[in-house]
Amino acid sequence: MRFSGAIKTWNDDRGFGFIEADQGGQEVFVHIKAFSSRAGRPQLNQRVTFEVELNRDGKKRAKNVEVAKPARLTKARQSHPSAQWGTASMFAILAFGIVYLAVAFVWSVPGWMAMGYIIASIVCFGAYAADKSAAVSGGWRISERNLLLLGLAGGWPGAIVAQQFLRHKSSKASFRSAFWATVVLNIAGFIAINSPFV
């Protein structure tokens, strides 16, 4: 028998949470491996359908969990998938491109620096992809600290792309705050390194 409900709590780092069933009663434990669809990470208040089984301790846990399909998508969302990009994310990459060109024009920037940002972004994107894969499969995770350090070292543009296209580390408020702090620090460091006044 299938039930319906919503994800009441979710720990993305550990890959589990609890579902509040529409029928009421005790919240049902759910693990990431119980999801039959791998299209994106579970989100708070996300509607799901599921079956229930008992674990060894006799407690309920969800199995064969499926994300409930939305009633319909708006034409704008169907036609423009890129609309999922956050304004701040798009602006950050565009703004840095302008800052980079301005600094290069006024003070000059070593040629290796642009290549460094590209390589760091590719590495950072790969790290996010590996971490998401590990989160889904229950494998070894890359710590948030290391992901932040990769971004601070110049890989943050790749991190933004990964967050948007892979939908990974894009909703946890504490991580997002720390991430944007590393972006600001990296840009400030870039300007300071290339400024003749420092």
N, C-alpha and C. Protein backbone atom coordinates (compact mmCIF):
# COMPACT_ATOMS: atom_id res chain seq x y z
N MET A 1 0.84 -1.19 0.00
CA MET A 1 0.00 0.00 0.00
C MET A 1 0.88 1.25 0.00
N ARG A 2 0.53 2.21 -0.87
CA ARG A 2 1.31 3.42 -0.96
C ARG A 2 0.65 4.54 -0.15
N PHE A 3 1.51 5.36 0.43
CA PHE A 3 1.06 6.51 1.20
C PHE A 3 1.62 7.77 0.56
N SER A 4 1.08 8.89 0.95
CA SER A 4 1.59 10.17 0.47
C SER A 4 1.92 11.05 1.67
N GLY A 5 2.83 11.99 1.45
CA GLY A 5 3.22 12.88 2.52
C GLY A 5 4.24 13.89 2.04
N ALA A 6 4.92 14.52 2.99
CA ALA A 6 5.92 15.52 2.66
C ALA A 6 7.14 15.31 3.54
N ILE A 7 8.32 15.64 2.99
CA ILE A 7 9.55 15.51 3.75
C ILE A 7 9.58 16.60 4.83
N LYS A 8 9.52 16.17 6.07
CA LYS A 8 9.45 17.11 7.19
C LYS A 8 10.83 17.60 7.62
N THR A 9 11.79 16.67 7.68
CA THR A 9 13.17 17.03 8.00
C THR A 9 14.09 16.28 7.06
N TRP A 10 15.26 16.89 6.75
CA TRP A 10 16.22 16.22 5.86
C TRP A 10 17.63 16.65 6.20
N ASN A 11 18.52 15.67 6.44
CA ASN A 11 19.94 15.92 6.69
C ASN A 11 20.69 15.51 5.43
N ASP A 12 21.06 16.49 4.61
CA ASP A 12 21.66 16.18 3.32
C ASP A 12 23.04 15.55 3.46
N ASP A 13 23.79 15.95 4.49
CA ASP A 13 25.13 15.41 4.70
C ASP A 13 25.08 13.92 5.02
N ARG A 14 24.09 13.51 5.81
CA ARG A 14 24.00 12.10 6.23
C ARG A 14 23.03 11.29 5.38
N GLY A 15 22.27 11.97 4.53
CA GLY A 15 21.42 11.26 3.58
C GLY A 15 20.18 10.62 4.16
N PHE A 16 19.57 11.24 5.17
CA PHE A 16 18.33 10.70 5.68
C PHE A 16 17.47 11.81 6.27
N GLY A 17 16.20 11.47 6.51
CA GLY A 17 15.28 12.43 7.10
C GLY A 17 14.00 11.73 7.52
N PHE A 18 12.93 12.51 7.66
CA PHE A 18 11.65 11.95 8.10
C PHE A 18 10.52 12.51 7.24
N ILE A 19 9.54 11.64 6.96
CA ILE A 19 8.38 12.01 6.17
C ILE A 19 7.17 12.15 7.10
N GLU A 20 6.43 13.22 6.91
CA GLU A 20 5.17 13.40 7.62
C GLU A 20 4.06 12.92 6.70
N ALA A 21 3.42 11.82 7.06
CA ALA A 21 2.39 11.23 6.20
C ALA A 21 1.11 12.06 6.27
N ASP A 22 0.40 12.12 5.16
CA ASP A 22 -0.87 12.84 5.12
C ASP A 22 -1.89 12.20 6.05
N GLN A 23 -1.73 10.90 6.29
CA GLN A 23 -2.67 10.19 7.14
C GLN A 23 -2.44 10.46 8.62
N GLY A 24 -1.35 11.18 8.93
CA GLY A 24 -1.03 11.47 10.32
C GLY A 24 -0.22 10.35 10.95
N GLY A 25 -0.06 10.42 12.25
CA GLY A 25 0.71 9.39 12.96
C GLY A 25 2.18 9.75 13.06
N GLN A 26 2.97 8.77 13.49
CA GLN A 26 4.40 8.98 13.70
C GLN A 26 5.11 9.26 12.38
N GLU A 27 6.07 10.20 12.43
CA GLU A 27 6.86 10.49 11.23
C GLU A 27 7.65 9.25 10.81
N VAL A 28 7.83 9.08 9.51
CA VAL A 28 8.44 7.87 8.97
C VAL A 28 9.88 8.17 8.53
N PHE A 29 10.81 7.37 9.03
CA PHE A 29 12.22 7.51 8.66
C PHE A 29 12.41 7.20 7.18
N VAL A 30 13.26 7.98 6.50
CA VAL A 30 13.56 7.71 5.08
C VAL A 30 15.04 7.94 4.82
N HIS A 31 15.65 7.00 4.11
CA HIS A 31 17.07 7.10 3.73
C HIS A 31 17.14 7.39 2.24
N ILE A 32 18.24 8.02 1.83
CA ILE A 32 18.40 8.40 0.43
C ILE A 32 18.29 7.19 -0.50
N LYS A 33 18.72 6.02 -0.02
CA LYS A 33 18.67 4.81 -0.85
C LYS A 33 17.25 4.32 -1.09
N ALA A 34 16.30 4.83 -0.30
CA ALA A 34 14.91 4.41 -0.46
C ALA A 34 14.23 5.08 -1.65
N PHE A 35 14.86 6.13 -2.17
CA PHE A 35 14.27 6.85 -3.30
C PHE A 35 14.49 6.07 -4.59
N SER A 36 13.41 5.82 -5.31
CA SER A 36 13.53 5.07 -6.56
C SER A 36 14.01 5.95 -7.70
N SER A 37 13.81 7.25 -7.57
CA SER A 37 14.27 8.18 -8.60
C SER A 37 15.47 8.95 -8.09
N ARG A 38 16.49 9.12 -8.93
CA ARG A 38 17.69 9.86 -8.55
C ARG A 38 17.72 11.26 -9.16
N ALA A 39 16.57 11.76 -9.54
CA ALA A 39 16.51 13.08 -10.19
C ALA A 39 16.51 14.19 -9.15
N GLY A 40 17.68 14.49 -8.64
CA GLY A 40 17.79 15.60 -7.70
C GLY A 40 17.77 15.16 -6.25
N ARG A 41 18.21 16.03 -5.38
CA ARG A 41 18.26 15.75 -3.95
C ARG A 41 16.91 16.02 -3.32
N PRO A 42 16.55 15.25 -2.28
CA PRO A 42 15.30 15.53 -1.56
C PRO A 42 15.36 16.92 -0.94
N GLN A 43 14.22 17.56 -0.87
CA GLN A 43 14.12 18.91 -0.34
C GLN A 43 13.05 18.96 0.75
N LEU A 44 13.22 19.89 1.70
CA LEU A 44 12.21 20.07 2.74
C LEU A 44 10.86 20.40 2.11
N ASN A 45 9.81 19.82 2.68
CA ASN A 45 8.42 20.04 2.24
C ASN A 45 8.12 19.48 0.86
N GLN A 46 9.05 18.70 0.31
CA GLN A 46 8.82 18.08 -1.00
C GLN A 46 7.78 16.98 -0.86
N ARG A 47 6.83 16.95 -1.78
CA ARG A 47 5.77 15.95 -1.75
C ARG A 47 6.30 14.62 -2.29
N VAL A 48 5.98 13.53 -1.60
CA VAL A 48 6.44 12.21 -2.00
C VAL A 48 5.33 11.18 -1.79
N THR A 49 5.47 10.05 -2.48
CA THR A 49 4.65 8.88 -2.20
C THR A 49 5.60 7.76 -1.81
N PHE A 50 5.14 6.83 -0.97
CA PHE A 50 6.05 5.82 -0.45
C PHE A 50 5.29 4.62 0.10
N GLU A 51 6.04 3.54 0.29
CA GLU A 51 5.54 2.37 0.99
C GLU A 51 6.23 2.31 2.34
N VAL A 52 5.68 1.51 3.24
CA VAL A 52 6.23 1.43 4.59
C VAL A 52 6.61 0.00 4.91
N GLU A 53 7.79 -0.15 5.57
CA GLU A 53 8.21 -1.45 6.09
C GLU A 53 8.74 -1.23 7.50
N LEU A 54 8.93 -2.32 8.23
CA LEU A 54 9.46 -2.24 9.58
C LEU A 54 10.92 -2.65 9.59
N ASN A 55 11.75 -1.90 10.34
CA ASN A 55 13.15 -2.30 10.47
C ASN A 55 13.29 -3.36 11.56
N ARG A 56 14.51 -3.72 11.91
CA ARG A 56 14.73 -4.77 12.90
C ARG A 56 14.20 -4.42 14.28
N ASP A 57 14.13 -3.11 14.55
CA ASP A 57 13.62 -2.66 15.85
C ASP A 57 12.11 -2.48 15.85
N GLY A 58 11.49 -2.80 14.75
CA GLY A 58 10.04 -2.67 14.68
C GLY A 58 9.56 -1.27 14.38
N LYS A 59 10.48 -0.39 13.98
CA LYS A 59 10.10 0.98 13.67
C LYS A 59 9.85 1.14 12.17
N LYS A 60 8.95 2.05 11.84
CA LYS A 60 8.58 2.27 10.44
C LYS A 60 9.70 2.97 9.68
N ARG A 61 9.89 2.55 8.44
CA ARG A 61 10.77 3.26 7.54
C ARG A 61 10.19 3.20 6.15
N ALA A 62 10.46 4.23 5.37
CA ALA A 62 9.90 4.31 4.03
C ALA A 62 10.74 3.51 3.03
N LYS A 63 10.09 2.99 2.02
CA LYS A 63 10.78 2.32 0.92
C LYS A 63 10.07 2.67 -0.38
N ASN A 64 10.76 2.46 -1.49
CA ASN A 64 10.20 2.77 -2.82
C ASN A 64 9.61 4.18 -2.85
N VAL A 65 10.39 5.13 -2.38
CA VAL A 65 9.93 6.51 -2.31
C VAL A 65 10.03 7.17 -3.68
N GLU A 66 8.99 7.86 -4.07
CA GLU A 66 8.97 8.57 -5.34
C GLU A 66 8.54 10.01 -5.10
N VAL A 67 9.21 10.93 -5.78
CA VAL A 67 8.83 12.33 -5.68
C VAL A 67 7.53 12.53 -6.44
N ALA A 68 6.56 13.18 -5.79
CA ALA A 68 5.27 13.42 -6.43
C ALA A 68 5.45 14.42 -7.55
N LYS A 69 4.88 14.12 -8.68
CA LYS A 69 5.01 15.01 -9.83
C LYS A 69 4.14 16.24 -9.64
N PRO A 70 4.67 17.41 -9.99
CA PRO A 70 3.85 18.63 -9.88
C PRO A 70 2.68 18.57 -10.84
N ALA A 71 1.64 19.29 -10.52
CA ALA A 71 0.44 19.25 -11.35
C ALA A 71 0.74 19.65 -12.79
N ARG A 72 1.49 20.72 -12.96
CA ARG A 72 1.88 21.14 -14.31
C ARG A 72 2.98 22.18 -14.20
N LEU A 73 3.79 22.28 -15.23
CA LEU A 73 4.84 23.27 -15.28
C LEU A 73 4.38 24.47 -16.09
N THR A 74 4.79 25.63 -15.70
CA THR A 74 4.43 26.81 -16.46
C THR A 74 5.20 26.81 -17.76
N LYS A 75 4.68 27.50 -18.77
CA LYS A 75 5.35 27.58 -20.06
C LYS A 75 6.73 28.21 -19.92
N ALA A 76 6.84 29.20 -19.04
CA ALA A 76 8.12 29.87 -18.87
C ALA A 76 9.17 28.91 -18.37
N ARG A 77 8.79 28.05 -17.44
CA ARG A 77 9.76 27.12 -16.89
C ARG A 77 10.11 26.03 -17.88
N GLN A 78 9.10 25.59 -18.69
CA GLN A 78 9.38 24.57 -19.69
C GLN A 78 10.29 25.11 -20.78
N SER A 79 10.11 26.35 -21.16
CA SER A 79 10.87 26.93 -22.26
C SER A 79 12.23 27.43 -21.83
N HIS A 80 12.37 27.78 -20.54
CA HIS A 80 13.60 28.39 -20.08
C HIS A 80 14.14 27.68 -18.85
N PRO A 81 14.75 26.48 -19.01
CA PRO A 81 15.30 25.78 -17.86
C PRO A 81 16.38 26.57 -17.16
N SER A 82 17.02 27.48 -17.89
CA SER A 82 18.08 28.28 -17.27
C SER A 82 17.52 29.26 -16.26
N ALA A 83 16.18 29.39 -16.19
CA ALA A 83 15.58 30.30 -15.22
C ALA A 83 15.81 29.81 -13.80
N GLN A 84 16.22 28.52 -13.66
CA GLN A 84 16.51 27.99 -12.34
C GLN A 84 17.76 28.63 -11.75
N TRP A 85 18.58 29.22 -12.60
CA TRP A 85 19.77 29.90 -12.10
C TRP A 85 19.36 31.04 -11.21
N GLY A 86 20.01 31.16 -10.05
CA GLY A 86 19.73 32.28 -9.17
C GLY A 86 20.36 33.55 -9.73
N THR A 87 19.68 34.67 -9.52
CA THR A 87 20.19 35.96 -10.01
C THR A 87 21.57 36.26 -9.42
N ALA A 88 21.72 35.99 -8.13
CA ALA A 88 23.01 36.27 -7.48
C ALA A 88 24.13 35.43 -8.08
N SER A 89 23.84 34.17 -8.41
CA SER A 89 24.86 33.29 -8.99
C SER A 89 25.31 33.79 -10.36
N MET A 90 24.34 34.13 -11.20
CA MET A 90 24.69 34.64 -12.54
C MET A 90 25.47 35.95 -12.42
N PHE A 91 25.01 36.81 -11.55
CA PHE A 91 25.65 38.11 -11.40
C PHE A 91 27.08 37.98 -10.90
N ALA A 92 27.32 37.01 -10.00
CA ALA A 92 28.66 36.85 -9.43
C ALA A 92 29.69 36.51 -10.51
N ILE A 93 29.35 35.57 -11.38
CA ILE A 93 30.29 35.18 -12.44
C ILE A 93 30.48 36.32 -13.44
N LEU A 94 29.37 36.96 -13.82
CA LEU A 94 29.46 38.07 -14.77
C LEU A 94 30.25 39.23 -14.16
N ALA A 95 29.95 39.55 -12.90
CA ALA A 95 30.63 40.67 -12.23
C ALA A 95 32.13 40.40 -12.11
N PHE A 96 32.49 39.15 -11.79
CA PHE A 96 33.91 38.84 -11.67
C PHE A 96 34.61 38.96 -13.02
N GLY A 97 33.92 38.56 -14.08
CA GLY A 97 34.50 38.70 -15.41
C GLY A 97 34.82 40.16 -15.72
N ILE A 98 33.91 41.05 -15.33
CA ILE A 98 34.13 42.49 -15.55
C ILE A 98 35.29 42.99 -14.69
N VAL A 99 35.31 42.55 -13.41
CA VAL A 99 36.40 42.96 -12.51
C VAL A 99 37.73 42.46 -13.03
N TYR A 100 37.76 41.21 -13.50
CA TYR A 100 39.00 40.63 -14.02
C TYR A 100 39.53 41.46 -15.20
N LEU A 101 38.64 41.78 -16.14
CA LEU A 101 39.05 42.54 -17.32
C LEU A 101 39.51 43.95 -16.94
N ALA A 102 38.81 44.55 -15.97
CA ALA A 102 39.19 45.90 -15.53
C ALA A 102 40.57 45.90 -14.88
N VAL A 103 40.81 44.93 -14.00
CA VAL A 103 42.11 44.83 -13.33
C VAL A 103 43.21 44.54 -14.35
N ALA A 104 42.92 43.65 -15.29
CA ALA A 104 43.91 43.32 -16.32
C ALA A 104 44.23 44.53 -17.19
N PHE A 105 43.24 45.37 -17.44
CA PHE A 105 43.44 46.55 -18.28
C PHE A 105 44.22 47.65 -17.54
N VAL A 106 43.88 47.85 -16.26
CA VAL A 106 44.48 48.94 -15.49
C VAL A 106 45.85 48.57 -14.94
N TRP A 107 45.97 47.39 -14.35
CA TRP A 107 47.21 47.04 -13.66
C TRP A 107 47.99 45.91 -14.33
N SER A 108 47.34 45.16 -15.15
CA SER A 108 47.88 43.94 -15.79
C SER A 108 47.84 42.76 -14.84
N VAL A 109 47.45 41.62 -15.38
CA VAL A 109 47.30 40.38 -14.61
C VAL A 109 48.17 39.31 -15.26
N PRO A 110 48.93 38.55 -14.46
CA PRO A 110 49.75 37.47 -15.03
C PRO A 110 48.91 36.50 -15.85
N GLY A 111 49.44 36.05 -16.97
CA GLY A 111 48.69 35.17 -17.85
C GLY A 111 48.25 33.87 -17.21
N TRP A 112 49.06 33.38 -16.25
CA TRP A 112 48.74 32.09 -15.63
C TRP A 112 47.51 32.17 -14.73
N MET A 113 47.13 33.39 -14.33
CA MET A 113 46.03 33.51 -13.37
C MET A 113 44.69 33.08 -13.96
N ALA A 114 44.44 33.46 -15.21
CA ALA A 114 43.18 33.04 -15.86
C ALA A 114 43.14 31.52 -15.99
N MET A 115 44.27 30.93 -16.39
CA MET A 115 44.32 29.48 -16.50
C MET A 115 44.13 28.82 -15.14
N GLY A 116 44.66 29.47 -14.09
CA GLY A 116 44.49 28.94 -12.74
C GLY A 116 43.03 28.89 -12.33
N TYR A 117 42.27 29.94 -12.66
CA TYR A 117 40.84 29.95 -12.34
C TYR A 117 40.09 28.87 -13.11
N ILE A 118 40.46 28.69 -14.37
CA ILE A 118 39.79 27.67 -15.19
C ILE A 118 40.05 26.27 -14.64
N ILE A 119 41.32 25.98 -14.34
CA ILE A 119 41.67 24.65 -13.82
C ILE A 119 41.02 24.42 -12.45
N ALA A 120 41.09 25.43 -11.58
CA ALA A 120 40.49 25.29 -10.25
C ALA A 120 38.98 25.08 -10.35
N SER A 121 38.34 25.75 -11.30
CA SER A 121 36.89 25.60 -11.48
C SER A 121 36.53 24.20 -11.95
N ILE A 122 37.34 23.65 -12.86
CA ILE A 122 37.10 22.29 -13.34
C ILE A 122 37.26 21.27 -12.20
N VAL A 123 38.32 21.45 -11.41
CA VAL A 123 38.56 20.55 -10.27
C VAL A 123 37.42 20.66 -9.27
N CYS A 124 36.98 21.90 -9.00
CA CYS A 124 35.92 22.12 -8.04
C CYS A 124 34.60 21.51 -8.53
N PHE A 125 34.29 21.67 -9.81
CA PHE A 125 33.08 21.07 -10.37
C PHE A 125 33.14 19.55 -10.21
N GLY A 126 34.31 18.97 -10.49
CA GLY A 126 34.48 17.52 -10.34
C GLY A 126 34.28 17.07 -8.91
N ALA A 127 34.76 17.88 -7.96
CA ALA A 127 34.61 17.54 -6.54
C ALA A 127 33.13 17.55 -6.13
N TYR A 128 32.38 18.55 -6.60
CA TYR A 128 30.95 18.60 -6.31
C TYR A 128 30.23 17.41 -6.91
N ALA A 129 30.59 17.06 -8.16
CA ALA A 129 29.96 15.92 -8.82
C ALA A 129 30.25 14.63 -8.07
N ALA A 130 31.50 14.46 -7.63
CA ALA A 130 31.87 13.25 -6.88
C ALA A 130 31.15 13.19 -5.55
N ASP A 131 31.01 14.34 -4.89
CA ASP A 131 30.34 14.37 -3.59
C ASP A 131 28.85 14.06 -3.74
N LYS A 132 28.23 14.58 -4.79
CA LYS A 132 26.82 14.27 -4.99
C LYS A 132 26.63 12.78 -5.28
N SER A 133 27.52 12.22 -6.10
CA SER A 133 27.44 10.79 -6.41
C SER A 133 27.59 9.96 -5.14
N ALA A 134 28.52 10.37 -4.27
CA ALA A 134 28.73 9.64 -3.01
C ALA A 134 27.53 9.78 -2.09
N ALA A 135 26.90 10.96 -2.09
CA ALA A 135 25.72 11.17 -1.24
C ALA A 135 24.57 10.27 -1.68
N VAL A 136 24.42 10.10 -2.98
CA VAL A 136 23.34 9.25 -3.50
C VAL A 136 23.61 7.77 -3.22
N SER A 137 24.87 7.36 -3.39
CA SER A 137 25.21 5.94 -3.23
C SER A 137 25.58 5.56 -1.80
N GLY A 138 25.71 6.56 -0.93
CA GLY A 138 26.09 6.27 0.46
C GLY A 138 27.58 6.06 0.62
N GLY A 139 28.37 6.55 -0.33
CA GLY A 139 29.82 6.37 -0.28
C GLY A 139 30.52 7.46 0.52
N TRP A 140 31.86 7.52 0.38
CA TRP A 140 32.68 8.47 1.11
C TRP A 140 32.42 9.86 0.59
N ARG A 141 32.09 10.80 1.50
CA ARG A 141 31.77 12.17 1.13
C ARG A 141 32.99 13.08 1.21
N ILE A 142 32.98 14.14 0.41
CA ILE A 142 33.97 15.20 0.51
C ILE A 142 33.44 16.21 1.51
N SER A 143 34.26 16.57 2.48
CA SER A 143 33.79 17.47 3.53
C SER A 143 33.44 18.84 2.97
N GLU A 144 32.50 19.50 3.64
CA GLU A 144 32.12 20.85 3.23
C GLU A 144 33.33 21.79 3.32
N ARG A 145 34.17 21.56 4.32
CA ARG A 145 35.37 22.39 4.49
C ARG A 145 36.25 22.33 3.25
N ASN A 146 36.46 21.12 2.72
CA ASN A 146 37.30 20.98 1.52
C ASN A 146 36.64 21.59 0.29
N LEU A 147 35.32 21.48 0.19
CA LEU A 147 34.62 22.10 -0.93
C LEU A 147 34.77 23.62 -0.87
N LEU A 148 34.67 24.17 0.34
CA LEU A 148 34.83 25.61 0.51
C LEU A 148 36.25 26.05 0.20
N LEU A 149 37.24 25.25 0.61
CA LEU A 149 38.63 25.59 0.34
C LEU A 149 38.93 25.58 -1.16
N LEU A 150 38.33 24.63 -1.88
CA LEU A 150 38.50 24.60 -3.33
C LEU A 150 37.93 25.86 -3.97
N GLY A 151 36.79 26.30 -3.46
CA GLY A 151 36.20 27.53 -3.96
C GLY A 151 37.05 28.73 -3.64
N LEU A 152 37.57 28.78 -2.42
CA LEU A 152 38.42 29.89 -1.99
C LEU A 152 39.70 29.96 -2.83
N ALA A 153 40.19 28.81 -3.26
CA ALA A 153 41.43 28.76 -4.06
C ALA A 153 41.21 29.18 -5.52
N GLY A 154 39.99 29.56 -5.85
CA GLY A 154 39.72 30.02 -7.22
C GLY A 154 38.74 29.16 -7.99
N GLY A 155 38.25 28.10 -7.36
CA GLY A 155 37.32 27.22 -8.07
C GLY A 155 35.87 27.57 -7.91
N TRP A 156 35.57 28.71 -7.26
CA TRP A 156 34.17 29.05 -6.99
C TRP A 156 33.30 29.21 -8.24
N PRO A 157 33.83 29.69 -9.39
CA PRO A 157 32.94 29.72 -10.57
C PRO A 157 32.45 28.32 -10.94
N GLY A 158 33.36 27.33 -10.86
CA GLY A 158 32.96 25.95 -11.15
C GLY A 158 31.98 25.43 -10.11
N ALA A 159 32.14 25.88 -8.86
CA ALA A 159 31.22 25.47 -7.80
C ALA A 159 29.82 26.01 -8.06
N ILE A 160 29.73 27.25 -8.52
CA ILE A 160 28.41 27.82 -8.82
C ILE A 160 27.72 27.04 -9.93
N VAL A 161 28.49 26.70 -10.97
CA VAL A 161 27.91 25.92 -12.07
C VAL A 161 27.44 24.56 -11.55
N ALA A 162 28.24 23.93 -10.69
CA ALA A 162 27.87 22.62 -10.13
C ALA A 162 26.62 22.74 -9.26
N GLN A 163 26.56 23.77 -8.44
CA GLN A 163 25.40 23.95 -7.57
C GLN A 163 24.12 24.10 -8.38
N GLN A 164 24.21 24.78 -9.50
CA GLN A 164 23.01 25.03 -10.31
C GLN A 164 22.63 23.83 -11.17
N PHE A 165 23.61 23.24 -11.87
CA PHE A 165 23.29 22.16 -12.79
C PHE A 165 23.15 20.80 -12.09
N LEU A 166 23.91 20.58 -11.03
CA LEU A 166 23.82 19.31 -10.31
C LEU A 166 22.84 19.38 -9.15
N ARG A 167 22.37 20.61 -8.83
CA ARG A 167 21.47 20.83 -7.70
C ARG A 167 22.07 20.25 -6.43
N HIS A 168 23.33 20.56 -6.19
CA HIS A 168 24.04 20.03 -5.02
C HIS A 168 24.60 21.19 -4.20
N LYS A 169 24.37 21.14 -2.89
CA LYS A 169 24.82 22.19 -1.97
C LYS A 169 24.23 23.55 -2.35
N SER A 170 23.01 23.52 -2.87
CA SER A 170 22.41 24.77 -3.32
C SER A 170 21.28 25.26 -2.41
N SER A 171 20.97 24.49 -1.36
CA SER A 171 19.84 24.89 -0.52
C SER A 171 20.19 24.99 0.96
N LYS A 172 21.31 24.43 1.38
CA LYS A 172 21.69 24.47 2.79
C LYS A 172 22.19 25.87 3.15
N ALA A 173 21.44 26.56 4.01
CA ALA A 173 21.70 27.97 4.29
C ALA A 173 23.10 28.23 4.86
N SER A 174 23.52 27.41 5.82
CA SER A 174 24.82 27.64 6.45
C SER A 174 25.97 27.46 5.46
N PHE A 175 25.86 26.47 4.59
CA PHE A 175 26.90 26.26 3.58
C PHE A 175 26.90 27.39 2.58
N ARG A 176 25.71 27.83 2.15
CA ARG A 176 25.63 28.91 1.17
C ARG A 176 26.26 30.19 1.71
N SER A 177 26.02 30.48 2.98
CA SER A 177 26.59 31.68 3.58
C SER A 177 28.12 31.61 3.59
N ALA A 178 28.64 30.44 4.01
CA ALA A 178 30.09 30.27 4.04
C ALA A 178 30.67 30.31 2.63
N PHE A 179 29.95 29.73 1.67
CA PHE A 179 30.43 29.72 0.29
C PHE A 179 30.57 31.13 -0.25
N TRP A 180 29.53 31.96 -0.05
CA TRP A 180 29.60 33.32 -0.59
C TRP A 180 30.66 34.14 0.11
N ALA A 181 30.95 33.81 1.36
CA ALA A 181 32.05 34.49 2.06
C ALA A 181 33.38 34.17 1.38
N THR A 182 33.56 32.90 0.95
CA THR A 182 34.81 32.53 0.28
C THR A 182 34.91 33.21 -1.09
N VAL A 183 33.77 33.41 -1.75
CA VAL A 183 33.77 34.10 -3.04
C VAL A 183 34.27 35.53 -2.87
N VAL A 184 33.73 36.21 -1.87
CA VAL A 184 34.13 37.60 -1.59
C VAL A 184 35.62 37.66 -1.24
N LEU A 185 36.08 36.73 -0.39
CA LEU A 185 37.49 36.71 0.00
C LEU A 185 38.40 36.45 -1.20
N ASN A 186 37.98 35.56 -2.07
CA ASN A 186 38.80 35.25 -3.25
C ASN A 186 38.92 36.45 -4.17
N ILE A 187 37.81 37.12 -4.41
CA ILE A 187 37.84 38.29 -5.30
C ILE A 187 38.67 39.41 -4.68
N ALA A 188 38.52 39.60 -3.37
CA ALA A 188 39.32 40.62 -2.68
C ALA A 188 40.80 40.27 -2.77
N GLY A 189 41.14 38.99 -2.62
CA GLY A 189 42.53 38.55 -2.74
C GLY A 189 43.07 38.75 -4.14
N PHE A 190 42.23 38.48 -5.14
CA PHE A 190 42.63 38.69 -6.54
C PHE A 190 42.99 40.15 -6.79
N ILE A 191 42.14 41.05 -6.31
CA ILE A 191 42.41 42.48 -6.49
C ILE A 191 43.68 42.89 -5.75
N ALA A 192 43.83 42.41 -4.50
CA ALA A 192 44.99 42.78 -3.69
C ALA A 192 46.30 42.29 -4.31
N ILE A 193 46.30 41.06 -4.81
CA ILE A 193 47.52 40.49 -5.41
C ILE A 193 47.97 41.28 -6.63
N ASN A 194 47.01 41.77 -7.39
CA ASN A 194 47.35 42.46 -8.64
C ASN A 194 47.44 43.98 -8.49
N SER A 195 47.09 44.49 -7.32
CA SER A 195 47.14 45.94 -7.11
C SER A 195 48.58 46.40 -6.84
N PRO A 196 49.01 47.46 -7.47
CA PRO A 196 50.35 47.98 -7.23
C PRO A 196 50.46 48.72 -5.89
N PHE A 197 49.32 48.95 -5.24
CA PHE A 197 49.30 49.72 -4.01
C PHE A 197 49.43 48.85 -2.76
N VAL A 198 49.41 47.53 -2.95
CA VAL A 198 49.48 46.62 -1.79
C VAL A 198 50.89 46.10 -1.64
